Each structure stands twice: as C-alpha cells, then as structure tokens.
Amino acid sequence: MTEELMTSRQVSEFLNVPAATLRTWRLRGSGPQSFRLCGTVRYRRSVVEAWLAEQEQAGQVGR
C-alpha cells in the first residue's frame, strides 16, 4: 500500500490555513515535515495528521 502524498495546497486546505502560513512554517521548521519530489513540495498524510495531533496535545493549534 502506498501512502497518500499531499500537495501544499491540499495540506493548506486540510489544516484550514493560508498557503503563506504553511510556507512560513515550512521555512521555520515548525510545520509538518515536507520534502521535495520532482521539484514540488509534498507531505505524507500520516505526518500531517501526526503533527496536527501533537499540536493539539500541546495546545498549539492556531498559534
């Protein structure tokens, strides 16, 4: 089974944050881990969901 890879746009919509916020998080290293595939930023869905759960536990969502 291949894990779903998400684009920046999909992650932005999933987290309901502007694409610029997601880009800032990526540059600061504070958002979900990403990687480049053929020059395009991609995220593993499981990593995004785990990151969101961590933020929720720490009370950091929306900060």
PDB file of N, CA and C in Angstrom:
ATOM      1  N   MET A   1       0.843  -1.188   0.000  1.00  0.00           N
ATOM      2  CA  MET A   1       0.000   0.000   0.000  1.00  0.00           C
ATOM      3  C   MET A   1       0.881   1.242   0.000  1.00  0.00           C
ATOM      4  N   THR A   2       0.593   2.163  -0.875  1.00  0.00           N
ATOM      5  CA  THR A   2       1.328   3.409  -0.970  1.00  0.00           C
ATOM      6  C   THR A   2       0.615   4.474  -0.158  1.00  0.00           C
ATOM      7  N   GLU A   3       1.386   5.189   0.632  1.00  0.00           N
ATOM      8  CA  GLU A   3       0.810   6.249   1.458  1.00  0.00           C
ATOM      9  C   GLU A   3       0.487   7.465   0.607  1.00  0.00           C
ATOM     10  N   GLU A   4      -0.594   8.128   0.941  1.00  0.00           N
ATOM     11  CA  GLU A   4      -1.002   9.316   0.186  1.00  0.00           C
ATOM     12  C   GLU A   4      -0.023  10.458   0.400  1.00  0.00           C
ATOM     13  N   LEU A   5       0.375  11.071  -0.695  1.00  0.00           N
ATOM     14  CA  LEU A   5       1.196  12.270  -0.653  1.00  0.00           C
ATOM     15  C   LEU A   5       0.295  13.454  -0.963  1.00  0.00           C
ATOM     16  N   MET A   6       0.461  14.519  -0.202  1.00  0.00           N
ATOM     17  CA  MET A   6      -0.376  15.706  -0.347  1.00  0.00           C
ATOM     18  C   MET A   6       0.461  16.873  -0.856  1.00  0.00           C
ATOM     19  N   THR A   7      -0.150  17.715  -1.660  1.00  0.00           N
ATOM     20  CA  THR A   7       0.498  18.939  -2.113  1.00  0.00           C
ATOM     21  C   THR A   7       0.362  19.999  -1.019  1.00  0.00           C
ATOM     22  N   SER A   8       1.088  21.086  -1.183  1.00  0.00           N
ATOM     23  CA  SER A   8       0.965  22.200  -0.231  1.00  0.00           C
ATOM     24  C   SER A   8      -0.468  22.722  -0.198  1.00  0.00           C
ATOM     25  N   ARG A   9      -1.077  22.796  -1.361  1.00  0.00           N
ATOM     26  CA  ARG A   9      -2.460  23.286  -1.428  1.00  0.00           C
ATOM     27  C   ARG A   9      -3.409  22.376  -0.656  1.00  0.00           C
ATOM     28  N   GLN A  10      -3.237  21.077  -0.805  1.00  0.00           N
ATOM     29  CA  GLN A  10      -4.093  20.131  -0.091  1.00  0.00           C
ATOM     30  C   GLN A  10      -3.899  20.227   1.416  1.00  0.00           C
ATOM     31  N   VAL A  11      -2.654  20.371   1.850  1.00  0.00           N
ATOM     32  CA  VAL A  11      -2.379  20.496   3.285  1.00  0.00           C
ATOM     33  C   VAL A  11      -2.943  21.812   3.811  1.00  0.00           C
ATOM     34  N   SER A  12      -2.784  22.868   3.051  1.00  0.00           N
ATOM     35  CA  SER A  12      -3.333  24.166   3.424  1.00  0.00           C
ATOM     36  C   SER A  12      -4.847  24.067   3.627  1.00  0.00           C
ATOM     37  N   GLU A  13      -5.526  23.414   2.705  1.00  0.00           N
ATOM     38  CA  GLU A  13      -6.978  23.246   2.810  1.00  0.00           C
ATOM     39  C   GLU A  13      -7.341  22.313   3.968  1.00  0.00           C
ATOM     40  N   PHE A  14      -6.583  21.234   4.146  1.00  0.00           N
ATOM     41  CA  PHE A  14      -6.837  20.270   5.212  1.00  0.00           C
ATOM     42  C   PHE A  14      -6.715  20.928   6.589  1.00  0.00           C
ATOM     43  N   LEU A  15      -5.679  21.775   6.758  1.00  0.00           N
ATOM     44  CA  LEU A  15      -5.454  22.440   8.040  1.00  0.00           C
ATOM     45  C   LEU A  15      -6.224  23.757   8.163  1.00  0.00           C
ATOM     46  N   ASN A  16      -6.827  24.175   7.056  1.00  0.00           N
ATOM     47  CA  ASN A  16      -7.585  25.429   7.006  1.00  0.00           C
ATOM     48  C   ASN A  16      -6.713  26.624   7.390  1.00  0.00           C
ATOM     49  N   VAL A  17      -5.530  26.665   6.798  1.00  0.00           N
ATOM     50  CA  VAL A  17      -4.617  27.795   6.990  1.00  0.00           C
ATOM     51  C   VAL A  17      -4.208  28.305   5.609  1.00  0.00           C
ATOM     52  N   PRO A  18      -3.883  29.582   5.512  1.00  0.00           N
ATOM     53  CA  PRO A  18      -3.424  30.115   4.218  1.00  0.00           C
ATOM     54  C   PRO A  18      -2.144  29.416   3.765  1.00  0.00           C
ATOM     55  N   ALA A  19      -1.978  29.325   2.471  1.00  0.00           N
ATOM     56  CA  ALA A  19      -0.776  28.705   1.909  1.00  0.00           C
ATOM     57  C   ALA A  19       0.479  29.433   2.389  1.00  0.00           C
ATOM     58  N   ALA A  20       0.392  30.746   2.567  1.00  0.00           N
ATOM     59  CA  ALA A  20       1.540  31.532   3.038  1.00  0.00           C
ATOM     60  C   ALA A  20       1.944  31.111   4.451  1.00  0.00           C
ATOM     61  N   THR A  21       0.985  30.799   5.289  1.00  0.00           N
ATOM     62  CA  THR A  21       1.273  30.336   6.655  1.00  0.00           C
ATOM     63  C   THR A  21       1.983  29.002   6.602  1.00  0.00           C
ATOM     64  N   LEU A  22       1.494  28.101   5.792  1.00  0.00           N
ATOM     65  CA  LEU A  22       2.121  26.792   5.644  1.00  0.00           C
ATOM     66  C   LEU A  22       3.555  26.950   5.135  1.00  0.00           C
ATOM     67  N   ARG A  23       3.770  27.837   4.194  1.00  0.00           N
ATOM     68  CA  ARG A  23       5.111  28.090   3.652  1.00  0.00           C
ATOM     69  C   ARG A  23       6.028  28.650   4.746  1.00  0.00           C
ATOM     70  N   THR A  24       5.520  29.574   5.548  1.00  0.00           N
ATOM     71  CA  THR A  24       6.311  30.138   6.653  1.00  0.00           C
ATOM     72  C   THR A  24       6.680  29.055   7.651  1.00  0.00           C
ATOM     73  N   TRP A  25       5.722  28.208   8.006  1.00  0.00           N
ATOM     74  CA  TRP A  25       6.004  27.099   8.933  1.00  0.00           C
ATOM     75  C   TRP A  25       7.099  26.212   8.358  1.00  0.00           C
ATOM     76  N   ARG A  26       7.003  25.921   7.066  1.00  0.00           N
ATOM     77  CA  ARG A  26       7.988  25.054   6.418  1.00  0.00           C
ATOM     78  C   ARG A  26       9.384  25.680   6.493  1.00  0.00           C
ATOM     79  N   LEU A  27       9.483  26.962   6.212  1.00  0.00           N
ATOM     80  CA  LEU A  27      10.769  27.647   6.234  1.00  0.00           C
ATOM     81  C   LEU A  27      11.342  27.748   7.642  1.00  0.00           C
ATOM     82  N   ARG A  28      10.475  27.870   8.639  1.00  0.00           N
ATOM     83  CA  ARG A  28      10.913  27.944  10.035  1.00  0.00           C
ATOM     84  C   ARG A  28      11.150  26.562  10.651  1.00  0.00           C
ATOM     85  N   GLY A  29      10.680  25.538   9.973  1.00  0.00           N
ATOM     86  CA  GLY A  29      10.815  24.188  10.501  1.00  0.00           C
ATOM     87  C   GLY A  29       9.827  23.881  11.602  1.00  0.00           C
ATOM     88  N   SER A  30       8.732  24.640  11.663  1.00  0.00           N
ATOM     89  CA  SER A  30       7.758  24.444  12.738  1.00  0.00           C
ATOM     90  C   SER A  30       6.484  23.733  12.291  1.00  0.00           C
ATOM     91  N   GLY A  31       6.330  23.526  11.008  1.00  0.00           N
ATOM     92  CA  GLY A  31       5.134  22.857  10.499  1.00  0.00           C
ATOM     93  C   GLY A  31       5.391  21.383  10.279  1.00  0.00           C
ATOM     94  N   PRO A  32       4.433  20.708   9.662  1.00  0.00           N
ATOM     95  CA  PRO A  32       4.626  19.289   9.369  1.00  0.00           C
ATOM     96  C   PRO A  32       5.802  19.089   8.412  1.00  0.00           C
ATOM     97  N   GLN A  33       6.520  18.011   8.609  1.00  0.00           N
ATOM     98  CA  GLN A  33       7.691  17.713   7.771  1.00  0.00           C
ATOM     99  C   GLN A  33       7.272  17.529   6.313  1.00  0.00           C
ATOM    100  N   SER A  34       8.061  18.109   5.429  1.00  0.00           N
ATOM    101  CA  SER A  34       7.787  18.007   3.997  1.00  0.00           C
ATOM    102  C   SER A  34       9.062  17.599   3.286  1.00  0.00           C
ATOM    103  N   PHE A  35       8.929  17.333   2.004  1.00  0.00           N
ATOM    104  CA  PHE A  35      10.082  17.009   1.166  1.00  0.00           C
ATOM    105  C   PHE A  35       9.756  17.404  -0.261  1.00  0.00           C
ATOM    106  N   ARG A  36      10.781  17.459  -1.090  1.00  0.00           N
ATOM    107  CA  ARG A  36      10.576  17.803  -2.497  1.00  0.00           C
ATOM    108  C   ARG A  36      10.592  16.532  -3.332  1.00  0.00           C
ATOM    109  N   LEU A  37       9.650  16.457  -4.231  1.00  0.00           N
ATOM    110  CA  LEU A  37       9.553  15.353  -5.175  1.00  0.00           C
ATOM    111  C   LEU A  37       9.409  15.974  -6.552  1.00  0.00           C
ATOM    112  N   CYS A  38      10.414  15.796  -7.372  1.00  0.00           N
ATOM    113  CA  CYS A  38      10.413  16.393  -8.722  1.00  0.00           C
ATOM    114  C   CYS A  38      10.194  17.902  -8.661  1.00  0.00           C
ATOM    115  N   GLY A  39      10.805  18.550  -7.660  1.00  0.00           N
ATOM    116  CA  GLY A  39      10.726  19.994  -7.547  1.00  0.00           C
ATOM    117  C   GLY A  39       9.469  20.529  -6.887  1.00  0.00           C
ATOM    118  N   THR A  40       8.579  19.650  -6.438  1.00  0.00           N
ATOM    119  CA  THR A  40       7.327  20.068  -5.814  1.00  0.00           C
ATOM    120  C   THR A  40       7.312  19.624  -4.359  1.00  0.00           C
ATOM    121  N   VAL A  41       6.886  20.522  -3.471  1.00  0.00           N
ATOM    122  CA  VAL A  41       6.808  20.192  -2.055  1.00  0.00           C
ATOM    123  C   VAL A  41       5.660  19.212  -1.838  1.00  0.00           C
ATOM    124  N   ARG A  42       5.956  18.143  -1.098  1.00  0.00           N
ATOM    125  CA  ARG A  42       4.954  17.122  -0.777  1.00  0.00           C
ATOM    126  C   ARG A  42       4.982  16.818   0.713  1.00  0.00           C
ATOM    127  N   TYR A  43       3.845  16.357   1.204  1.00  0.00           N
ATOM    128  CA  TYR A  43       3.688  15.958   2.598  1.00  0.00           C
ATOM    129  C   TYR A  43       3.049  14.575   2.630  1.00  0.00           C
ATOM    130  N   ARG A  44       3.499  13.745   3.538  1.00  0.00           N
ATOM    131  CA  ARG A  44       2.825  12.466   3.762  1.00  0.00           C
ATOM    132  C   ARG A  44       1.624  12.738   4.662  1.00  0.00           C
ATOM    133  N   ARG A  45       0.463  12.209   4.288  1.00  0.00           N
ATOM    134  CA  ARG A  45      -0.747  12.446   5.075  1.00  0.00           C
ATOM    135  C   ARG A  45      -0.553  12.038   6.527  1.00  0.00           C
ATOM    136  N   SER A  46       0.083  10.896   6.763  1.00  0.00           N
ATOM    137  CA  SER A  46       0.272  10.424   8.141  1.00  0.00           C
ATOM    138  C   SER A  46       1.123  11.395   8.953  1.00  0.00           C
ATOM    139  N   VAL A  47       2.106  12.038   8.315  1.00  0.00           N
ATOM    140  CA  VAL A  47       2.961  13.004   9.007  1.00  0.00           C
ATOM    141  C   VAL A  47       2.154  14.258   9.351  1.00  0.00           C
ATOM    142  N   VAL A  48       1.325  14.713   8.432  1.00  0.00           N
ATOM    143  CA  VAL A  48       0.489  15.890   8.685  1.00  0.00           C
ATOM    144  C   VAL A  48      -0.476  15.600   9.830  1.00  0.00           C
ATOM    145  N   GLU A  49      -1.111  14.431   9.814  1.00  0.00           N
ATOM    146  CA  GLU A  49      -2.059  14.078  10.863  1.00  0.00           C
ATOM    147  C   GLU A  49      -1.363  13.932  12.217  1.00  0.00           C
ATOM    148  N   ALA A  50      -0.156  13.345  12.228  1.00  0.00           N
ATOM    149  CA  ALA A  50       0.609  13.202  13.474  1.00  0.00           C
ATOM    150  C   ALA A  50       1.020  14.578  13.998  1.00  0.00           C
ATOM    151  N   TRP A  51       1.463  15.465  13.106  1.00  0.00           N
ATOM    152  CA  TRP A  51       1.846  16.814  13.510  1.00  0.00           C
ATOM    153  C   TRP A  51       0.654  17.541  14.118  1.00  0.00           C
ATOM    154  N   LEU A  52      -0.510  17.424  13.483  1.00  0.00           N
ATOM    155  CA  LEU A  52      -1.716  18.072  13.982  1.00  0.00           C
ATOM    156  C   LEU A  52      -2.073  17.544  15.370  1.00  0.00           C
ATOM    157  N   ALA A  53      -1.983  16.235  15.569  1.00  0.00           N
ATOM    158  CA  ALA A  53      -2.273  15.641  16.880  1.00  0.00           C
ATOM    159  C   ALA A  53      -1.301  16.153  17.940  1.00  0.00           C
ATOM    160  N   GLU A  54      -0.027  16.291  17.577  1.00  0.00           N
ATOM    161  CA  GLU A  54       0.980  16.827  18.507  1.00  0.00           C
ATOM    162  C   GLU A  54       0.648  18.264  18.891  1.00  0.00           C
ATOM    163  N   GLN A  55       0.249  19.062  17.902  1.00  0.00           N
ATOM    164  CA  GLN A  55      -0.104  20.460  18.176  1.00  0.00           C
ATOM    165  C   GLN A  55      -1.323  20.534  19.083  1.00  0.00           C
ATOM    166  N   GLU A  56      -2.264  19.659  18.836  1.00  0.00           N
ATOM    167  CA  GLU A  56      -3.483  19.616  19.631  1.00  0.00           C
ATOM    168  C   GLU A  56      -3.159  19.268  21.085  1.00  0.00           C
ATOM    169  N   GLN A  57      -2.307  18.257  21.266  1.00  0.00           N
ATOM    170  CA  GLN A  57      -1.887  17.829  22.617  1.00  0.00           C
ATOM    171  C   GLN A  57      -1.171  18.961  23.346  1.00  0.00           C
ATOM    172  N   ALA A  58      -0.353  19.704  22.626  1.00  0.00           N
ATOM    173  CA  ALA A  58       0.430  20.776  23.233  1.00  0.00           C
ATOM    174  C   ALA A  58      -0.368  22.074  23.356  1.00  0.00           C
ATOM    175  N   GLY A  59      -1.595  22.075  22.827  1.00  0.00           N
ATOM    176  CA  GLY A  59      -2.417  23.276  22.875  1.00  0.00           C
ATOM    177  C   GLY A  59      -1.923  24.370  21.945  1.00  0.00           C
ATOM    178  N   GLN A  60      -1.265  23.985  20.842  1.00  0.00           N
ATOM    179  CA  GLN A  60      -0.628  24.942  19.943  1.00  0.00           C
ATOM    180  C   GLN A  60      -1.423  25.233  18.678  1.00  0.00           C
ATOM    181  N   VAL A  61      -2.500  24.528  18.403  1.00  0.00           N
ATOM    182  CA  VAL A  61      -3.233  24.741  17.159  1.00  0.00           C
ATOM    183  C   VAL A  61      -3.763  26.165  17.128  1.00  0.00           C
ATOM    184  N   GLY A  62      -3.501  26.848  16.028  1.00  0.00           N
ATOM    185  CA  GLY A  62      -3.993  28.211  15.857  1.00  0.00           C
ATOM    186  C   GLY A  62      -3.080  29.288  16.429  1.00  0.00           C
ATOM    187  N   ARG A  63      -1.880  28.891  16.870  1.00  0.00           N
ATOM    188  CA  ARG A  63      -0.953  29.884  17.426  1.00  0.00           C
ATOM    189  C   ARG A  63       0.159  30.173  16.467  1.00  0.00           C
TER     190      ARG A  63
END
